[in-house]
Amino acid sequence: MKKEHNASADAVALRRQAEAKLRAAAQKGAPPRTVADMQRLVHELQVHQIELEMQNESLRESRAQVEAGLERYTDLYDFAPVGYLTLDRAGAIRQANLTASLLLGVARAQLAGRRLGLFLGDSDRAGLSAFLKKVFANQAKEVCEAALLKEDQTPRHVQITATASQDGQECRLVMEDITARKQAEAETQRLASFPMLNPRPIVEVDVAGSVHYCNPSAERLLPGLREREVEHPWLADWAAVIGLLREAPDNPMVRDVPVDDKWYQQTIHFVDDDRRVRIYGADISARKQANESLLKAYAEVEARVVERTTKLVLANKEIQDQSMRLEEANAALKVLLKQREEDKSELEEKVLLNVNQLIFPYLEKIKQRKLDAKVKAYIDILEANLNEIVSPLARNLTSKLLRLSHTELEVSNLVQQGKSTKEIAETMHLAESTIDFHRNNIRAKLGVKHKRIGLRTYLSSLR
């Protein structure tokens, strides 16, 4: 919004200057112009206006690119992972990015004019002054380390890299937080003291077996190691050990060795350039004794297990024999149950088909005759009762004949009895063409419409 406001103000000022020039030209009393001159002048003005608009658009694009680049480099400067500072020759801060303000613990707006040395301890202030003098004197990159002090916080260590500007009036300074590195170095120094205080033996030897280092525990627990070297039990089978280490140099080797009346577990691995080997030892004498006791107890338990296992094998064999007999009986029972289910399904299907073929068609014929209301009611009750009886059977059966209507079932029953189309028509009081129509429907529903097989023969095979 601010950029658009500035552009609008510039345009207004430019228009005012143009109007002023136009009024000044009119006051000079220029000679009158013809219509052609006026048209040519208007054309020139229009062309000039378009050229100015194009130049203005190009200038706006260039300005936007410059502003975008400036914003990008400002972001890079402010949000860099290291602190950037610009100091004058007296060590006062002129510019600082956000990272530098975070390292110093002061808002960036409050850093201008303050000396960098105020943020350091007394011991580092003198060193910073000497460092800056050297930077301005040599015009070359210089590096130093210092500790920044913060209220209620531990010191933060930084590495400072500085170079002087071309005119020698300023220096540009990069400040990198190395607190983690300093802490790691202190931790390394602390860990370096562990071997001396470790109660377990630690020994370093070369591949030939010459001893180069023994911690105090090794000197005390392994007497004569430096003098005897590979003849000492601690370095027994040393050539074989080196051979195994070279086969897998990245994996430590672990072995147990006896020394006098004790057992030690050694963890052996290469260090440096694979010419030196470090051995860590742990006294496992108590564990060895416990293992021997455990092996003895295990042998006793194993003997008992063998005895119990023999008894369990015999009992298991008897159980298996009984299980086999039960399986045989179960198989026979399954066969009988399956046969019973098949017989039941077959019986239900026959009952349902016979009712559909032999009873329902003739009930329909009786209902079509002129009957008094009482007889008709009896027939309806009879039909409803028959449906209630056979409906549970129809849900469980999948016979092809169940797809047929009552009339088709009656026709199929007469066909199966060997009746001809003419005889069936006379029996059912229907036309022969109607009987043929039903016969075609029956063959279609049974899936034998275009097959060379007699309908009577196929119907008999379904019984």
Protein backbone atom coordinates (compact mmCIF):
# COMPACT_ATOMS: atom_id res chain seq x y z
CA MET A 1 0.00 0.00 0.00
CA LYS A 2 2.85 2.38 0.83
CA LYS A 3 4.53 1.75 -2.54
CA GLU A 4 1.27 2.46 -4.42
CA HIS A 5 0.80 5.73 -2.49
CA ASN A 6 4.32 6.91 -3.40
CA ALA A 7 3.76 6.08 -7.08
CA SER A 8 0.46 8.03 -7.09
CA ALA A 9 2.14 11.06 -5.45
CA ASP A 10 4.92 11.02 -8.08
CA ALA A 11 2.34 10.92 -10.90
CA VAL A 12 0.44 13.92 -9.46
CA ALA A 13 3.66 15.94 -9.12
CA LEU A 14 4.67 15.10 -12.69
CA ARG A 15 1.24 16.17 -14.01
CA ARG A 16 1.50 19.52 -12.21
CA GLN A 17 4.90 20.18 -13.80
CA ALA A 18 3.52 19.35 -17.27
CA GLU A 19 0.51 21.67 -16.80
CA ALA A 20 2.82 24.46 -15.66
CA LYS A 21 4.98 24.07 -18.79
CA LEU A 22 1.85 24.07 -20.98
CA ARG A 23 0.62 27.33 -19.44
CA ALA A 24 4.04 28.92 -19.91
CA ALA A 25 4.07 27.94 -23.58
CA ALA A 26 0.57 29.39 -24.11
CA GLN A 27 1.63 32.75 -22.58
CA LYS A 28 4.47 33.17 -25.16
CA GLY A 29 1.86 33.72 -27.92
CA ALA A 30 2.63 30.91 -30.35
CA PRO A 31 1.34 31.47 -33.96
CA PRO A 32 -2.06 30.00 -34.80
CA ARG A 33 -2.07 26.40 -36.08
CA THR A 34 -4.07 24.89 -38.93
CA VAL A 35 -6.43 21.94 -38.53
CA ALA A 36 -3.87 19.64 -40.16
CA ASP A 37 -1.22 20.89 -37.76
CA MET A 38 -3.54 20.25 -34.85
CA GLN A 39 -4.32 16.70 -36.07
CA ARG A 40 -0.64 15.94 -36.60
CA LEU A 41 0.14 17.38 -33.17
CA VAL A 42 -2.59 15.26 -31.54
CA HIS A 43 -1.25 12.16 -33.31
CA GLU A 44 2.28 12.94 -32.11
CA LEU A 45 0.98 13.49 -28.59
CA GLN A 46 -0.89 10.16 -28.62
CA VAL A 47 2.18 8.30 -29.86
CA HIS A 48 4.32 10.06 -27.28
CA GLN A 49 1.77 9.22 -24.58
CA ILE A 50 1.89 5.49 -25.50
CA GLU A 51 5.70 5.58 -25.47
CA LEU A 52 5.65 7.23 -22.04
CA GLU A 53 3.18 4.64 -20.74
CA MET A 54 5.39 1.81 -22.02
CA GLN A 55 8.47 3.40 -20.44
CA ASN A 56 6.54 3.92 -17.21
CA GLU A 57 5.45 0.25 -17.16
CA SER A 58 9.05 -0.87 -17.77
CA LEU A 59 10.24 1.38 -14.95
CA ARG A 60 7.58 -0.04 -12.60
CA GLU A 61 8.66 -3.60 -13.43
CA SER A 62 12.32 -2.73 -12.88
CA ARG A 63 11.47 -1.05 -9.59
CA ALA A 64 9.44 -4.12 -8.47
CA GLN A 65 12.35 -6.43 -9.35
CA VAL A 66 14.81 -4.24 -7.44
CA GLU A 67 12.48 -4.11 -4.42
CA ALA A 68 11.94 -7.91 -4.55
CA GLY A 69 15.69 -8.49 -4.74
CA LEU A 70 16.27 -6.08 -1.86
CA GLU A 71 13.60 -7.86 0.21
CA ARG A 72 15.12 -11.25 -0.61
CA TYR A 73 18.64 -10.20 0.38
CA THR A 74 17.26 -8.50 3.51
CA ASP A 75 15.62 -11.80 4.50
CA LEU A 76 18.84 -13.68 3.82
CA TYR A 77 20.73 -11.21 5.97
CA ASP A 78 18.24 -11.13 8.85
CA PHE A 79 17.45 -14.85 9.04
CA ALA A 80 20.94 -16.25 8.36
CA PRO A 81 21.94 -19.02 10.83
CA VAL A 82 24.95 -16.94 11.94
CA GLY A 83 25.12 -13.43 13.39
CA TYR A 84 26.20 -10.57 11.11
CA LEU A 85 27.52 -7.32 12.64
CA THR A 86 29.02 -4.14 11.21
CA LEU A 87 31.38 -2.31 13.62
CA ASP A 88 33.15 1.02 13.36
CA ARG A 89 36.83 1.46 14.24
CA ALA A 90 35.93 2.00 17.91
CA GLY A 91 34.10 -1.34 18.08
CA ALA A 92 30.58 0.19 18.20
CA ILE A 93 27.78 -1.68 16.47
CA ARG A 94 26.33 0.03 13.38
CA GLN A 95 24.24 -2.81 11.93
CA ALA A 96 23.16 -6.25 13.15
CA ASN A 97 20.90 -9.01 11.86
CA LEU A 98 18.27 -10.83 13.91
CA THR A 99 20.54 -13.79 14.70
CA ALA A 100 23.16 -11.44 16.15
CA SER A 101 20.56 -9.76 18.35
CA LEU A 102 19.44 -13.19 19.60
CA LEU A 103 23.04 -14.19 20.39
CA LEU A 104 23.63 -10.94 22.26
CA GLY A 105 20.25 -11.09 24.00
CA VAL A 106 19.28 -7.51 23.10
CA ALA A 107 16.64 -6.19 20.68
CA ARG A 108 18.18 -5.13 17.37
CA ALA A 109 16.84 -1.56 17.70
CA GLN A 110 18.81 -1.20 20.96
CA LEU A 111 22.14 -2.46 19.60
CA ALA A 112 23.07 0.54 17.43
CA GLY A 113 25.93 2.51 18.98
CA ARG A 114 26.71 -0.01 21.73
CA ARG A 115 30.20 -1.48 21.91
CA LEU A 116 30.49 -5.21 21.26
CA GLY A 117 33.00 -5.52 24.12
CA LEU A 118 30.23 -4.75 26.65
CA PHE A 119 28.73 -8.16 25.92
CA LEU A 120 31.98 -10.01 26.74
CA GLY A 121 33.66 -10.89 29.98
CA ASP A 122 36.59 -8.87 31.30
CA SER A 123 39.11 -11.44 30.08
CA ASP A 124 37.76 -11.35 26.50
CA ARG A 125 37.36 -7.56 26.16
CA ALA A 126 41.08 -6.90 25.91
CA GLY A 127 41.42 -9.74 23.43
CA LEU A 128 38.59 -8.30 21.29
CA SER A 129 40.26 -4.89 21.18
CA ALA A 130 43.53 -6.43 20.03
CA PHE A 131 41.63 -8.55 17.53
CA LEU A 132 39.87 -5.50 15.97
CA LYS A 133 43.15 -3.56 15.75
CA LYS A 134 44.65 -6.48 13.88
CA VAL A 135 41.64 -6.64 11.51
CA PHE A 136 41.82 -2.92 10.63
CA ALA A 137 45.61 -3.05 10.33
CA ASN A 138 45.95 -6.10 8.05
CA GLN A 139 42.85 -5.75 5.87
CA ALA A 140 42.64 -9.57 5.99
CA LYS A 141 40.22 -12.10 7.49
CA GLU A 142 40.90 -12.82 11.16
CA VAL A 143 39.32 -15.39 13.48
CA CYS A 144 39.01 -15.50 17.28
CA GLU A 145 36.81 -17.05 19.97
CA ALA A 146 35.03 -15.34 22.85
CA ALA A 147 32.35 -15.93 25.48
CA LEU A 148 29.17 -13.81 25.48
CA LEU A 149 27.75 -13.09 28.92
CA LYS A 150 24.01 -13.07 29.59
CA GLU A 151 22.12 -12.41 32.77
CA ASP A 152 21.21 -15.57 34.70
CA GLN A 153 22.65 -17.77 31.93
CA THR A 154 25.79 -19.73 31.34
CA PRO A 155 28.26 -18.14 28.90
CA ARG A 156 27.63 -18.66 25.20
CA HIS A 157 30.78 -19.31 23.21
CA VAL A 158 31.07 -17.80 19.74
CA GLN A 159 33.61 -17.86 16.94
CA ILE A 160 34.17 -14.41 15.41
CA THR A 161 35.38 -13.98 11.83
CA ALA A 162 36.00 -10.39 10.71
CA THR A 163 37.30 -8.45 7.70
CA ALA A 164 37.75 -4.69 7.25
CA SER A 165 35.88 -2.71 4.57
CA GLN A 166 37.70 -1.22 1.57
CA ASP A 167 37.82 2.26 3.11
CA GLY A 168 39.04 0.89 6.45
CA GLN A 169 36.31 2.68 8.43
CA GLU A 170 34.19 -0.39 9.18
CA CYS A 171 34.64 -4.09 9.65
CA ARG A 172 32.11 -6.80 8.85
CA LEU A 173 31.93 -9.49 11.47
CA VAL A 174 30.41 -13.02 11.40
CA MET A 175 29.54 -14.49 14.79
CA GLU A 176 28.87 -18.28 14.96
CA ASP A 177 27.55 -20.05 18.06
CA ILE A 178 30.06 -22.78 19.04
CA THR A 179 28.67 -23.47 22.51
CA ALA A 180 27.74 -27.04 21.57
CA ARG A 181 31.24 -27.66 20.21
CA LYS A 182 32.84 -26.26 23.36
CA GLN A 183 30.60 -28.44 25.51
CA ALA A 184 31.53 -31.46 23.40
CA GLU A 185 35.22 -30.69 23.83
CA ALA A 186 34.75 -30.38 27.59
CA GLU A 187 32.83 -33.65 27.60
CA THR A 188 35.63 -35.28 25.61
CA GLN A 189 38.17 -34.09 28.14
CA ARG A 190 35.99 -35.41 30.94
CA LEU A 191 35.61 -38.81 29.25
CA ALA A 192 39.35 -38.95 28.64
CA SER A 193 39.85 -39.23 32.40
CA PHE A 194 37.64 -42.33 32.66
CA PRO A 195 40.28 -44.97 31.79
CA MET A 196 42.45 -43.78 34.66
CA LEU A 197 39.58 -44.10 37.13
CA ASN A 198 37.99 -47.21 35.62
CA PRO A 199 38.16 -50.18 38.05
CA ARG A 200 38.36 -52.59 35.10
CA PRO A 201 41.58 -53.28 33.19
CA ILE A 202 42.05 -51.38 29.91
CA VAL A 203 45.05 -52.21 27.72
CA GLU A 204 46.27 -50.99 24.32
CA VAL A 205 48.69 -53.09 22.28
CA ASP A 206 49.89 -53.10 18.68
CA VAL A 207 49.25 -55.94 16.23
CA ALA A 208 52.60 -57.51 17.20
CA GLY A 209 51.54 -57.74 20.85
CA SER A 210 53.69 -54.93 22.28
CA VAL A 211 51.95 -53.18 25.17
CA HIS A 212 51.61 -49.40 24.76
CA TYR A 213 49.18 -48.49 27.55
CA CYS A 214 47.80 -50.00 30.76
CA ASN A 215 45.45 -48.15 33.07
CA PRO A 216 46.11 -48.41 36.84
CA SER A 217 43.62 -51.28 37.21
CA ALA A 218 45.44 -53.28 34.51
CA GLU A 219 48.79 -52.65 36.19
CA ARG A 220 47.37 -53.94 39.47
CA LEU A 221 45.33 -56.92 38.21
CA LEU A 222 47.68 -58.11 35.43
CA PRO A 223 51.20 -58.19 36.91
CA GLY A 224 54.01 -58.90 34.45
CA LEU A 225 51.96 -57.96 31.34
CA ARG A 226 54.42 -55.34 30.05
CA GLU A 227 57.37 -57.71 30.44
CA ARG A 228 55.78 -60.93 29.15
CA GLU A 229 53.52 -59.36 26.45
CA VAL A 230 52.20 -62.18 24.17
CA GLU A 231 53.47 -64.78 26.69
CA HIS A 232 51.03 -63.43 29.25
CA PRO A 233 47.60 -65.19 29.49
CA TRP A 234 45.93 -61.83 28.82
CA LEU A 235 47.30 -61.95 25.22
CA ALA A 236 46.92 -65.70 24.65
CA ASP A 237 46.57 -66.78 20.97
CA TRP A 238 47.28 -63.20 19.91
CA ALA A 239 47.97 -64.02 16.23
CA ALA A 240 44.58 -65.74 15.94
CA VAL A 241 42.88 -62.76 17.59
CA ILE A 242 44.41 -60.34 15.06
CA GLY A 243 43.33 -62.61 12.19
CA LEU A 244 39.70 -62.64 13.41
CA LEU A 245 39.67 -58.87 13.91
CA ARG A 246 40.90 -58.28 10.35
CA GLU A 247 38.10 -60.45 8.96
CA ALA A 248 35.52 -58.08 10.51
CA PRO A 249 37.37 -54.88 11.50
CA ASP A 250 34.15 -52.96 12.27
CA ASN A 251 32.87 -55.53 14.78
CA PRO A 252 34.43 -55.92 18.25
CA MET A 253 35.56 -59.37 19.29
CA VAL A 254 34.51 -60.84 22.64
CA ARG A 255 36.26 -63.77 24.34
CA ASP A 256 36.86 -65.20 27.85
CA VAL A 257 40.41 -65.79 29.13
CA PRO A 258 41.72 -67.22 32.43
CA VAL A 259 44.37 -65.22 34.30
CA ASP A 260 45.72 -66.97 37.40
CA ASP A 261 42.65 -67.92 39.47
CA LYS A 262 40.27 -65.49 37.74
CA TRP A 263 38.30 -65.31 34.51
CA TYR A 264 38.05 -62.13 32.43
CA GLN A 265 35.78 -61.29 29.51
CA GLN A 266 37.67 -59.27 26.91
CA THR A 267 36.10 -56.86 24.40
CA ILE A 268 38.70 -56.29 21.68
CA HIS A 269 38.58 -53.86 18.74
CA PHE A 270 40.86 -51.86 16.45
CA VAL A 271 41.53 -48.16 17.06
CA ASP A 272 43.02 -45.46 14.85
CA ASP A 273 44.59 -46.96 11.71
CA ASP A 274 44.02 -50.64 12.56
CA ARG A 275 47.58 -50.91 13.89
CA ARG A 276 46.60 -50.62 17.52
CA VAL A 277 44.14 -52.76 19.48
CA ARG A 278 42.28 -51.79 22.63
CA ILE A 279 41.19 -54.45 25.14
CA TYR A 280 38.54 -53.85 27.80
CA GLY A 281 38.40 -56.46 30.54
CA ALA A 282 35.67 -57.44 33.02
CA ASP A 283 36.08 -59.89 35.90
CA ILE A 284 33.54 -62.70 35.29
CA SER A 285 34.88 -65.22 37.82
CA ALA A 286 31.66 -65.13 39.84
CA ARG A 287 29.62 -65.59 36.67
CA LYS A 288 31.76 -68.54 35.61
CA GLN A 289 31.21 -70.21 38.97
CA ALA A 290 27.50 -69.52 38.72
CA ASN A 291 27.48 -71.00 35.19
CA GLU A 292 29.20 -74.17 36.44
CA SER A 293 26.64 -74.51 39.23
CA LEU A 294 23.89 -73.84 36.72
CA LEU A 295 25.23 -76.51 34.35
CA LYS A 296 25.32 -79.03 37.16
CA ALA A 297 21.76 -78.21 38.14
CA TYR A 298 20.76 -78.30 34.48
CA ALA A 299 22.20 -81.81 34.10
CA GLU A 300 20.15 -82.99 37.08
CA VAL A 301 17.04 -81.37 35.70
CA GLU A 302 17.74 -82.87 32.28
CA ALA A 303 17.88 -86.36 33.80
CA ARG A 304 14.55 -85.77 35.50
CA VAL A 305 13.10 -84.39 32.28
CA VAL A 306 14.18 -87.52 30.39
CA GLU A 307 12.49 -89.71 32.99
CA ARG A 308 9.31 -87.66 32.95
CA THR A 309 9.39 -87.46 29.16
CA THR A 310 9.46 -91.26 28.88
CA LYS A 311 6.38 -91.48 31.06
CA LEU A 312 4.66 -88.72 29.10
CA VAL A 313 5.45 -90.46 25.81
CA LEU A 314 3.75 -93.64 26.99
CA ALA A 315 0.75 -91.70 28.27
CA ASN A 316 0.64 -89.70 25.05
CA LYS A 317 0.64 -92.87 22.96
CA GLU A 318 -2.36 -94.15 24.87
CA ILE A 319 -4.13 -90.82 24.39
CA GLN A 320 -3.34 -90.89 20.68
CA ASP A 321 -4.84 -94.39 20.37
CA GLN A 322 -7.99 -93.21 22.10
CA SER A 323 -8.07 -90.10 19.93
CA MET A 324 -7.76 -92.23 16.78
CA ARG A 325 -10.67 -94.40 17.86
CA LEU A 326 -12.74 -91.32 18.59
CA GLU A 327 -11.87 -89.85 15.20
CA GLU A 328 -12.97 -93.03 13.44
CA ALA A 329 -16.25 -93.04 15.37
CA ASN A 330 -16.70 -89.34 14.62
CA ALA A 331 -16.11 -89.91 10.90
CA ALA A 332 -18.71 -92.68 10.83
CA LEU A 333 -21.16 -90.47 12.71
CA LYS A 334 -20.58 -87.63 10.21
CA VAL A 335 -21.33 -90.02 7.32
CA LEU A 336 -24.58 -91.13 8.98
CA LEU A 337 -25.58 -87.51 9.70
CA LYS A 338 -24.83 -86.48 6.15
CA GLN A 339 -26.87 -89.40 4.78
CA ARG A 340 -29.71 -88.46 7.13
CA GLU A 341 -29.66 -84.85 5.92
CA GLU A 342 -29.64 -86.00 2.29
CA ASP A 343 -32.57 -88.37 2.92
CA LYS A 344 -34.43 -85.59 4.71
CA SER A 345 -33.86 -83.13 1.86
CA GLU A 346 -34.92 -85.70 -0.72
CA LEU A 347 -38.10 -86.54 1.22
CA GLU A 348 -38.99 -82.84 1.67
CA GLU A 349 -38.43 -82.19 -2.02
CA LYS A 350 -40.62 -85.13 -3.05
CA VAL A 351 -43.40 -84.04 -0.70
CA LEU A 352 -43.27 -80.47 -1.98
CA LEU A 353 -43.20 -81.55 -5.65
CA ASN A 354 -46.05 -84.02 -5.20
CA VAL A 355 -48.19 -81.40 -3.47
CA ASN A 356 -47.42 -78.86 -6.18
CA GLN A 357 -48.02 -81.36 -9.00
CA LEU A 358 -50.78 -83.58 -7.71
CA ILE A 359 -52.84 -81.38 -5.39
CA PHE A 360 -52.55 -77.65 -6.11
CA PRO A 361 -53.41 -77.91 -9.88
CA TYR A 362 -56.61 -79.80 -9.13
CA LEU A 363 -57.53 -77.45 -6.31
CA GLU A 364 -57.29 -74.65 -8.87
CA LYS A 365 -59.61 -76.58 -11.22
CA ILE A 366 -62.11 -77.13 -8.42
CA LYS A 367 -62.00 -73.41 -7.49
CA GLN A 368 -62.82 -72.53 -11.10
CA ARG A 369 -66.07 -74.45 -10.95
CA LYS A 370 -69.30 -73.05 -9.66
CA LEU A 371 -69.35 -73.87 -5.97
CA ASP A 372 -71.39 -72.62 -3.11
CA ALA A 373 -69.70 -70.25 -0.65
CA LYS A 374 -69.24 -72.86 2.06
CA VAL A 375 -67.44 -75.35 -0.22
CA LYS A 376 -65.32 -72.56 -1.66
CA ALA A 377 -64.36 -71.48 1.87
CA TYR A 378 -63.37 -75.07 2.71
CA ILE A 379 -61.20 -75.21 -0.43
CA ASP A 380 -59.50 -71.89 0.48
CA ILE A 381 -58.82 -73.20 3.99
CA LEU A 382 -57.43 -76.43 2.52
CA GLU A 383 -55.17 -74.49 0.13
CA ALA A 384 -53.94 -72.17 2.94
CA ASN A 385 -53.19 -75.11 5.22
CA LEU A 386 -51.30 -76.92 2.47
CA ASN A 387 -49.26 -73.76 1.77
CA GLU A 388 -48.44 -73.43 5.47
CA ILE A 389 -47.35 -77.08 5.57
CA VAL A 390 -45.09 -76.95 2.51
CA SER A 391 -43.73 -73.37 2.88
CA PRO A 392 -40.91 -74.41 5.32
CA LEU A 393 -39.92 -77.08 2.80
CA ALA A 394 -39.82 -74.65 -0.12
CA ARG A 395 -37.34 -72.35 1.68
CA ASN A 396 -34.74 -75.11 2.00
CA LEU A 397 -35.05 -76.75 -1.45
CA THR A 398 -33.45 -75.79 -4.75
CA SER A 399 -35.06 -78.27 -7.17
CA LYS A 400 -35.48 -77.11 -10.74
CA LEU A 401 -39.14 -78.22 -10.67
CA LEU A 402 -39.87 -75.56 -8.04
CA ARG A 403 -39.45 -72.90 -10.73
CA LEU A 404 -42.62 -74.13 -12.54
CA SER A 405 -46.10 -72.70 -12.08
CA HIS A 406 -49.05 -74.87 -10.95
CA THR A 407 -50.25 -75.31 -14.55
CA GLU A 408 -46.72 -76.19 -15.75
CA LEU A 409 -46.36 -78.70 -12.89
CA GLU A 410 -49.66 -80.34 -13.93
CA VAL A 411 -48.52 -80.53 -17.56
CA SER A 412 -45.12 -81.97 -16.54
CA ASN A 413 -46.86 -84.59 -14.38
CA LEU A 414 -49.07 -85.73 -17.31
CA VAL A 415 -46.04 -85.71 -19.65
CA GLN A 416 -44.18 -87.92 -17.21
CA GLN A 417 -47.18 -90.31 -17.20
CA GLY A 418 -46.71 -90.71 -20.94
CA LYS A 419 -49.70 -88.61 -22.05
CA SER A 420 -49.56 -87.04 -25.49
CA THR A 421 -50.25 -83.37 -26.16
CA LYS A 422 -53.77 -84.20 -27.39
CA GLU A 423 -54.53 -86.30 -24.32
CA ILE A 424 -53.20 -83.62 -21.98
CA ALA A 425 -55.33 -80.98 -23.77
CA GLU A 426 -58.44 -83.09 -23.37
CA THR A 427 -57.68 -83.81 -19.72
CA MET A 428 -57.02 -80.16 -18.83
CA HIS A 429 -59.75 -78.81 -21.20
CA LEU A 430 -57.22 -76.62 -22.99
CA ALA A 431 -56.17 -76.15 -26.61
CA GLU A 432 -53.27 -78.21 -27.94
CA SER A 433 -51.39 -74.99 -28.83
CA THR A 434 -51.68 -73.94 -25.19
CA ILE A 435 -50.22 -77.28 -24.08
CA ASP A 436 -47.35 -76.82 -26.57
CA PHE A 437 -46.76 -73.34 -25.17
CA HIS A 438 -46.53 -74.76 -21.63
CA ARG A 439 -44.23 -77.56 -22.80
CA ASN A 440 -41.83 -74.97 -24.33
CA ASN A 441 -41.90 -72.94 -21.11
CA ILE A 442 -41.11 -76.08 -19.10
CA ARG A 443 -38.13 -76.96 -21.33
CA ALA A 444 -36.85 -73.34 -21.08
CA LYS A 445 -37.10 -73.22 -17.26
CA LEU A 446 -35.42 -76.62 -16.96
CA GLY A 447 -32.61 -75.61 -19.36
CA VAL A 448 -33.31 -78.24 -22.08
CA LYS A 449 -35.08 -76.07 -24.64
CA HIS A 450 -32.56 -76.63 -27.44
CA LYS A 451 -31.23 -80.00 -26.35
CA ARG A 452 -31.96 -83.31 -28.00
CA ILE A 453 -33.57 -85.02 -25.04
CA GLY A 454 -37.16 -86.10 -24.45
CA LEU A 455 -39.07 -84.04 -21.90
CA ARG A 456 -40.54 -87.18 -20.33
CA THR A 457 -37.06 -88.73 -19.99
CA TYR A 458 -35.61 -85.57 -18.39
CA LEU A 459 -38.55 -85.23 -15.98
CA SER A 460 -38.11 -88.83 -14.90
CA SER A 461 -34.41 -88.21 -14.15
CA LEU A 462 -35.35 -85.42 -11.70
CA ARG A 463 -37.44 -87.78 -9.55
